Every structure is written in structure tokens, then in C-alpha cells.
């Protein structure tokens, strides 16, 4: 899968949005960009994929815009969780069962 950010109309805009979100949450430089992430959360397996809604357990219908590798955790960003305001969704690496990257 080639890198994209939902609703970006060009690769340049996708890069700008990704960079802006990374700056907002103080994410480190990304060696690889995460496309899909699965982890255990409160006894259930959650999967987030760029362009898809957050899992139901988070009780909001927001599209995943970006997933950042932030050392000992991943941070999953939606418009209101990480991209514009509030904290992103946190997934500790110790609970991650699968990670897939963009090409």
C-alpha cells in the first residue's frame, strides 16, 4: 500500500498533514510509516487502519489519519484525537500483536 492520509488531495498535502500531526504530538522521526496496527486493549483485540474508523471500543466514529511509532508505544491519531486536539489513542508496544507498514 502506498502512503496516504485520508482526505489529502495530493502526495504533497498528505506529507504536510502527516508532518503537522507529528509536530502536534511531538512524534519522533518515522523510519517507516505504519498502515495498520493490532493490539490488545481491555481484553480484546483492536485493529486500526489508516482511512478506517477507530474500533468500537473507543466509542467514537472517527477516521484514523496517522499512526506513529513513539518509542515504547504507538500513537493513533484521528481528527479529534491527536490531529487537532486531545490526546491520541495509545497502544503500548508490549500489547501489539501485528504491525503493517506502507510501502
N, C-alpha and C. Protein backbone atom coordinates (compact mmCIF):
# COMPACT_ATOMS: atom_id res chain seq x y z
N UNK A 1 0.85 -1.17 0.00
CA UNK A 1 0.00 0.00 0.00
C UNK A 1 0.90 1.23 0.00
N UNK A 2 0.62 2.16 -0.89
CA UNK A 2 1.36 3.41 -0.94
C UNK A 2 0.86 4.37 0.14
N UNK A 3 1.76 5.19 0.65
CA UNK A 3 1.43 6.13 1.71
C UNK A 3 0.33 7.10 1.29
N UNK A 4 -0.62 7.32 2.21
CA UNK A 4 -1.67 8.32 2.01
C UNK A 4 -2.17 8.80 3.36
N UNK A 5 -2.83 9.93 3.35
CA UNK A 5 -3.56 10.43 4.50
C UNK A 5 -4.98 10.68 4.01
N UNK A 6 -5.99 10.15 4.71
CA UNK A 6 -7.37 10.34 4.26
C UNK A 6 -7.68 11.81 4.03
N UNK A 7 -8.38 12.08 2.97
CA UNK A 7 -8.84 13.39 2.52
C UNK A 7 -7.75 14.28 1.93
N UNK A 8 -6.50 13.86 1.95
CA UNK A 8 -5.46 14.64 1.27
C UNK A 8 -5.68 14.49 -0.23
N UNK A 9 -5.52 15.59 -0.95
CA UNK A 9 -5.80 15.57 -2.39
C UNK A 9 -4.54 15.41 -3.24
N UNK A 10 -3.39 15.35 -2.60
CA UNK A 10 -2.14 15.15 -3.34
C UNK A 10 -1.10 14.54 -2.40
N UNK A 11 -0.05 13.93 -2.94
CA UNK A 11 1.02 13.42 -2.08
C UNK A 11 1.67 14.53 -1.25
N UNK A 12 1.77 15.71 -1.80
CA UNK A 12 2.37 16.83 -1.07
C UNK A 12 1.49 17.22 0.12
N UNK A 13 0.19 17.24 -0.08
CA UNK A 13 -0.72 17.58 1.00
C UNK A 13 -0.69 16.47 2.07
N UNK A 14 -0.60 15.23 1.66
CA UNK A 14 -0.51 14.12 2.61
C UNK A 14 0.73 14.27 3.48
N UNK A 15 1.85 14.60 2.86
CA UNK A 15 3.10 14.81 3.62
C UNK A 15 2.96 15.97 4.60
N UNK A 16 2.33 17.04 4.17
CA UNK A 16 2.15 18.21 5.03
C UNK A 16 1.25 17.89 6.22
N UNK A 17 0.18 17.16 5.99
CA UNK A 17 -0.74 16.79 7.09
C UNK A 17 -0.03 15.86 8.07
N UNK A 18 0.66 14.86 7.54
CA UNK A 18 1.39 13.91 8.38
C UNK A 18 2.42 14.64 9.24
N UNK A 19 3.16 15.54 8.63
CA UNK A 19 4.18 16.31 9.34
C UNK A 19 3.55 17.19 10.43
N UNK A 20 2.44 17.81 10.11
CA UNK A 20 1.74 18.67 11.07
C UNK A 20 1.25 17.88 12.28
N UNK A 21 0.68 16.71 12.04
CA UNK A 21 0.22 15.86 13.14
C UNK A 21 1.41 15.42 13.99
N UNK A 22 2.49 15.00 13.33
CA UNK A 22 3.69 14.57 14.06
C UNK A 22 4.22 15.67 14.96
N UNK A 23 4.23 16.89 14.46
CA UNK A 23 4.69 18.03 15.25
C UNK A 23 3.74 18.26 16.43
N UNK A 24 2.46 18.17 16.18
CA UNK A 24 1.45 18.41 17.23
C UNK A 24 1.61 17.45 18.41
N UNK A 25 1.90 16.18 18.12
CA UNK A 25 2.02 15.19 19.20
C UNK A 25 3.48 14.95 19.60
N UNK A 26 4.40 15.70 19.00
CA UNK A 26 5.84 15.57 19.29
C UNK A 26 6.36 14.17 19.00
N UNK A 27 5.91 13.59 17.90
CA UNK A 27 6.37 12.26 17.49
C UNK A 27 7.79 12.35 16.94
N UNK A 28 8.60 11.34 17.19
CA UNK A 28 9.95 11.34 16.62
C UNK A 28 9.89 11.09 15.11
N UNK A 29 11.02 11.29 14.45
CA UNK A 29 11.14 10.98 13.02
C UNK A 29 10.75 9.52 12.81
N UNK A 30 9.99 9.25 11.76
CA UNK A 30 9.49 7.90 11.50
C UNK A 30 10.35 7.20 10.45
N UNK A 31 11.00 6.10 10.84
CA UNK A 31 11.80 5.32 9.90
C UNK A 31 10.89 4.64 8.88
N UNK A 32 9.73 4.16 9.35
CA UNK A 32 8.71 3.56 8.49
C UNK A 32 7.37 4.13 8.94
N UNK A 33 6.44 4.16 8.02
CA UNK A 33 5.10 4.68 8.33
C UNK A 33 4.12 3.52 8.48
N UNK A 34 3.42 3.54 9.59
CA UNK A 34 2.50 2.45 9.92
C UNK A 34 1.20 2.62 9.16
N UNK A 35 0.76 1.52 8.56
CA UNK A 35 -0.50 1.48 7.83
C UNK A 35 -1.62 0.84 8.67
N UNK A 36 -1.24 -0.20 9.43
CA UNK A 36 -2.25 -0.96 10.17
C UNK A 36 -1.61 -1.50 11.45
N UNK A 37 -2.37 -1.46 12.54
CA UNK A 37 -1.85 -1.87 13.84
C UNK A 37 -2.91 -2.67 14.59
N UNK A 38 -2.50 -3.79 15.18
CA UNK A 38 -3.39 -4.58 16.03
C UNK A 38 -2.74 -4.72 17.40
N UNK A 39 -3.56 -4.61 18.46
CA UNK A 39 -3.06 -4.73 19.82
C UNK A 39 -4.18 -5.15 20.74
N UNK A 40 -3.80 -5.59 21.94
CA UNK A 40 -4.76 -5.99 22.95
C UNK A 40 -5.12 -4.77 23.80
N UNK A 41 -6.41 -4.52 23.95
CA UNK A 41 -6.89 -3.38 24.73
C UNK A 41 -8.09 -3.82 25.55
N UNK A 42 -7.96 -3.76 26.86
CA UNK A 42 -9.05 -4.14 27.77
C UNK A 42 -9.64 -5.51 27.43
N UNK A 43 -8.77 -6.46 27.16
CA UNK A 43 -9.20 -7.83 26.93
C UNK A 43 -9.67 -8.16 25.53
N UNK A 44 -9.59 -7.22 24.63
CA UNK A 44 -9.99 -7.52 23.25
C UNK A 44 -8.94 -7.03 22.26
N UNK A 45 -8.93 -7.67 21.11
CA UNK A 45 -8.00 -7.27 20.06
C UNK A 45 -8.59 -6.10 19.30
N UNK A 46 -7.82 -5.02 19.21
CA UNK A 46 -8.22 -3.84 18.44
C UNK A 46 -7.34 -3.74 17.21
N UNK A 47 -7.92 -3.31 16.11
CA UNK A 47 -7.17 -3.07 14.89
C UNK A 47 -7.51 -1.70 14.36
N UNK A 48 -6.47 -0.92 14.09
CA UNK A 48 -6.63 0.40 13.47
C UNK A 48 -5.95 0.37 12.12
N UNK A 49 -6.59 0.96 11.15
CA UNK A 49 -6.05 1.03 9.80
C UNK A 49 -6.27 2.44 9.27
N UNK A 50 -5.27 2.98 8.62
CA UNK A 50 -5.39 4.33 8.07
C UNK A 50 -6.60 4.37 7.13
N UNK A 51 -7.44 5.39 7.31
CA UNK A 51 -8.62 5.56 6.47
C UNK A 51 -9.87 4.86 6.97
N UNK A 52 -9.72 4.09 8.06
CA UNK A 52 -10.86 3.36 8.62
C UNK A 52 -11.21 3.95 9.99
N UNK A 53 -12.43 3.69 10.48
CA UNK A 53 -12.80 4.21 11.80
C UNK A 53 -12.04 3.51 12.93
N UNK A 54 -11.93 4.22 14.05
CA UNK A 54 -11.38 3.60 15.26
C UNK A 54 -12.24 2.40 15.63
N UNK A 55 -11.68 1.41 16.33
CA UNK A 55 -12.50 0.29 16.81
C UNK A 55 -13.64 0.78 17.71
N UNK A 56 -14.72 0.04 17.74
CA UNK A 56 -15.91 0.40 18.51
C UNK A 56 -15.63 0.63 19.99
N UNK A 57 -14.62 -0.05 20.55
CA UNK A 57 -14.33 0.08 21.97
C UNK A 57 -14.03 1.53 22.38
N UNK A 58 -13.62 2.36 21.44
CA UNK A 58 -13.31 3.76 21.74
C UNK A 58 -14.53 4.68 21.67
N UNK A 59 -15.66 4.15 21.26
CA UNK A 59 -16.96 4.83 21.29
C UNK A 59 -17.01 6.16 20.56
N UNK A 60 -16.22 6.28 19.52
CA UNK A 60 -16.29 7.46 18.65
C UNK A 60 -16.15 6.97 17.21
N UNK A 61 -16.81 7.63 16.32
CA UNK A 61 -16.70 7.26 14.92
C UNK A 61 -15.82 8.28 14.23
N UNK A 62 -14.50 8.06 14.36
CA UNK A 62 -13.53 8.94 13.74
C UNK A 62 -12.58 8.12 12.90
N UNK A 63 -12.17 8.69 11.80
CA UNK A 63 -11.26 8.04 10.87
C UNK A 63 -9.82 8.15 11.35
N UNK A 64 -9.09 7.05 11.26
CA UNK A 64 -7.68 7.05 11.61
C UNK A 64 -6.91 7.77 10.51
N UNK A 65 -6.19 8.84 10.90
CA UNK A 65 -5.41 9.64 9.95
C UNK A 65 -3.95 9.23 9.90
N UNK A 66 -3.39 8.86 11.05
CA UNK A 66 -1.97 8.52 11.11
C UNK A 66 -1.70 7.68 12.35
N UNK A 67 -0.68 6.83 12.26
CA UNK A 67 -0.22 6.02 13.38
C UNK A 67 1.28 6.25 13.49
N UNK A 68 1.73 6.66 14.68
CA UNK A 68 3.14 7.00 14.89
C UNK A 68 3.80 6.04 15.86
N UNK A 69 5.01 5.63 15.52
CA UNK A 69 5.86 4.85 16.42
C UNK A 69 6.54 5.85 17.35
N UNK A 70 6.21 5.79 18.62
CA UNK A 70 6.74 6.76 19.60
C UNK A 70 7.53 6.06 20.69
N UNK A 71 8.44 5.21 20.32
CA UNK A 71 9.30 4.53 21.29
C UNK A 71 8.66 3.30 21.86
N UNK A 72 8.15 3.39 23.09
CA UNK A 72 7.56 2.22 23.73
C UNK A 72 6.06 2.09 23.48
N UNK A 73 5.53 2.96 22.62
CA UNK A 73 4.11 2.89 22.27
C UNK A 73 3.88 3.42 20.86
N UNK A 74 2.71 3.08 20.34
CA UNK A 74 2.23 3.68 19.11
C UNK A 74 1.16 4.69 19.49
N UNK A 75 1.07 5.78 18.73
CA UNK A 75 0.03 6.76 18.96
C UNK A 75 -0.82 6.83 17.69
N UNK A 76 -2.12 6.60 17.88
CA UNK A 76 -3.07 6.55 16.77
C UNK A 76 -3.84 7.87 16.77
N UNK A 77 -3.80 8.56 15.62
CA UNK A 77 -4.40 9.89 15.54
C UNK A 77 -5.61 9.93 14.62
N UNK A 78 -6.66 10.58 15.13
CA UNK A 78 -7.87 10.87 14.37
C UNK A 78 -8.02 12.39 14.37
N UNK A 79 -9.01 12.94 13.68
CA UNK A 79 -9.14 14.39 13.69
C UNK A 79 -9.21 14.99 15.10
N UNK A 80 -9.95 14.37 16.01
CA UNK A 80 -10.08 14.93 17.36
C UNK A 80 -9.20 14.25 18.40
N UNK A 81 -8.55 13.19 18.06
CA UNK A 81 -7.65 12.51 19.00
C UNK A 81 -6.24 12.56 18.43
N UNK A 82 -5.55 13.66 18.69
CA UNK A 82 -4.16 13.79 18.29
C UNK A 82 -3.91 14.75 17.16
N UNK A 83 -4.77 14.78 16.16
CA UNK A 83 -4.51 15.64 15.00
C UNK A 83 -4.80 17.10 15.29
N UNK A 84 -5.90 17.38 15.95
CA UNK A 84 -6.29 18.76 16.20
C UNK A 84 -6.28 19.08 17.69
N UNK A 85 -6.84 18.17 18.48
CA UNK A 85 -6.90 18.40 19.93
C UNK A 85 -6.89 17.07 20.65
N UNK A 86 -6.93 17.11 21.94
CA UNK A 86 -6.95 15.93 22.80
C UNK A 86 -5.74 15.03 22.54
N UNK A 87 -5.66 13.97 23.31
CA UNK A 87 -4.56 13.02 23.19
C UNK A 87 -4.89 11.96 22.14
N UNK A 88 -3.87 11.45 21.45
CA UNK A 88 -4.13 10.33 20.55
C UNK A 88 -4.46 9.07 21.35
N UNK A 89 -4.89 8.04 20.67
CA UNK A 89 -5.07 6.73 21.29
C UNK A 89 -3.68 6.14 21.46
N UNK A 90 -3.42 5.56 22.63
CA UNK A 90 -2.11 4.98 22.92
C UNK A 90 -2.20 3.46 22.89
N UNK A 91 -1.21 2.83 22.24
CA UNK A 91 -1.12 1.38 22.22
C UNK A 91 0.30 1.00 22.61
N UNK A 92 0.46 0.45 23.81
CA UNK A 92 1.78 0.04 24.29
C UNK A 92 2.34 -1.06 23.38
N UNK A 93 3.62 -0.95 23.06
CA UNK A 93 4.23 -1.95 22.17
C UNK A 93 4.15 -3.36 22.74
N UNK A 94 4.16 -3.46 24.07
CA UNK A 94 4.07 -4.78 24.70
C UNK A 94 2.75 -5.48 24.40
N UNK A 95 1.73 -4.72 23.98
CA UNK A 95 0.41 -5.30 23.70
C UNK A 95 0.17 -5.49 22.20
N UNK A 96 1.09 -5.04 21.36
CA UNK A 96 0.92 -5.09 19.90
C UNK A 96 1.08 -6.52 19.41
N UNK A 97 0.12 -6.95 18.58
CA UNK A 97 0.16 -8.29 18.00
C UNK A 97 0.51 -8.28 16.52
N UNK A 98 0.35 -7.13 15.86
CA UNK A 98 0.68 -7.05 14.43
C UNK A 98 0.85 -5.59 14.04
N UNK A 99 1.83 -5.35 13.19
CA UNK A 99 2.03 -4.01 12.63
C UNK A 99 2.38 -4.17 11.16
N UNK A 100 1.72 -3.37 10.33
CA UNK A 100 1.97 -3.39 8.89
C UNK A 100 2.34 -1.98 8.46
N UNK A 101 3.27 -1.89 7.52
CA UNK A 101 3.80 -0.61 7.09
C UNK A 101 3.41 -0.31 5.65
N UNK A 102 3.38 1.00 5.34
CA UNK A 102 3.24 1.41 3.95
C UNK A 102 4.48 0.97 3.18
N UNK A 103 4.33 0.86 1.87
CA UNK A 103 5.49 0.50 1.01
C UNK A 103 6.54 1.58 1.06
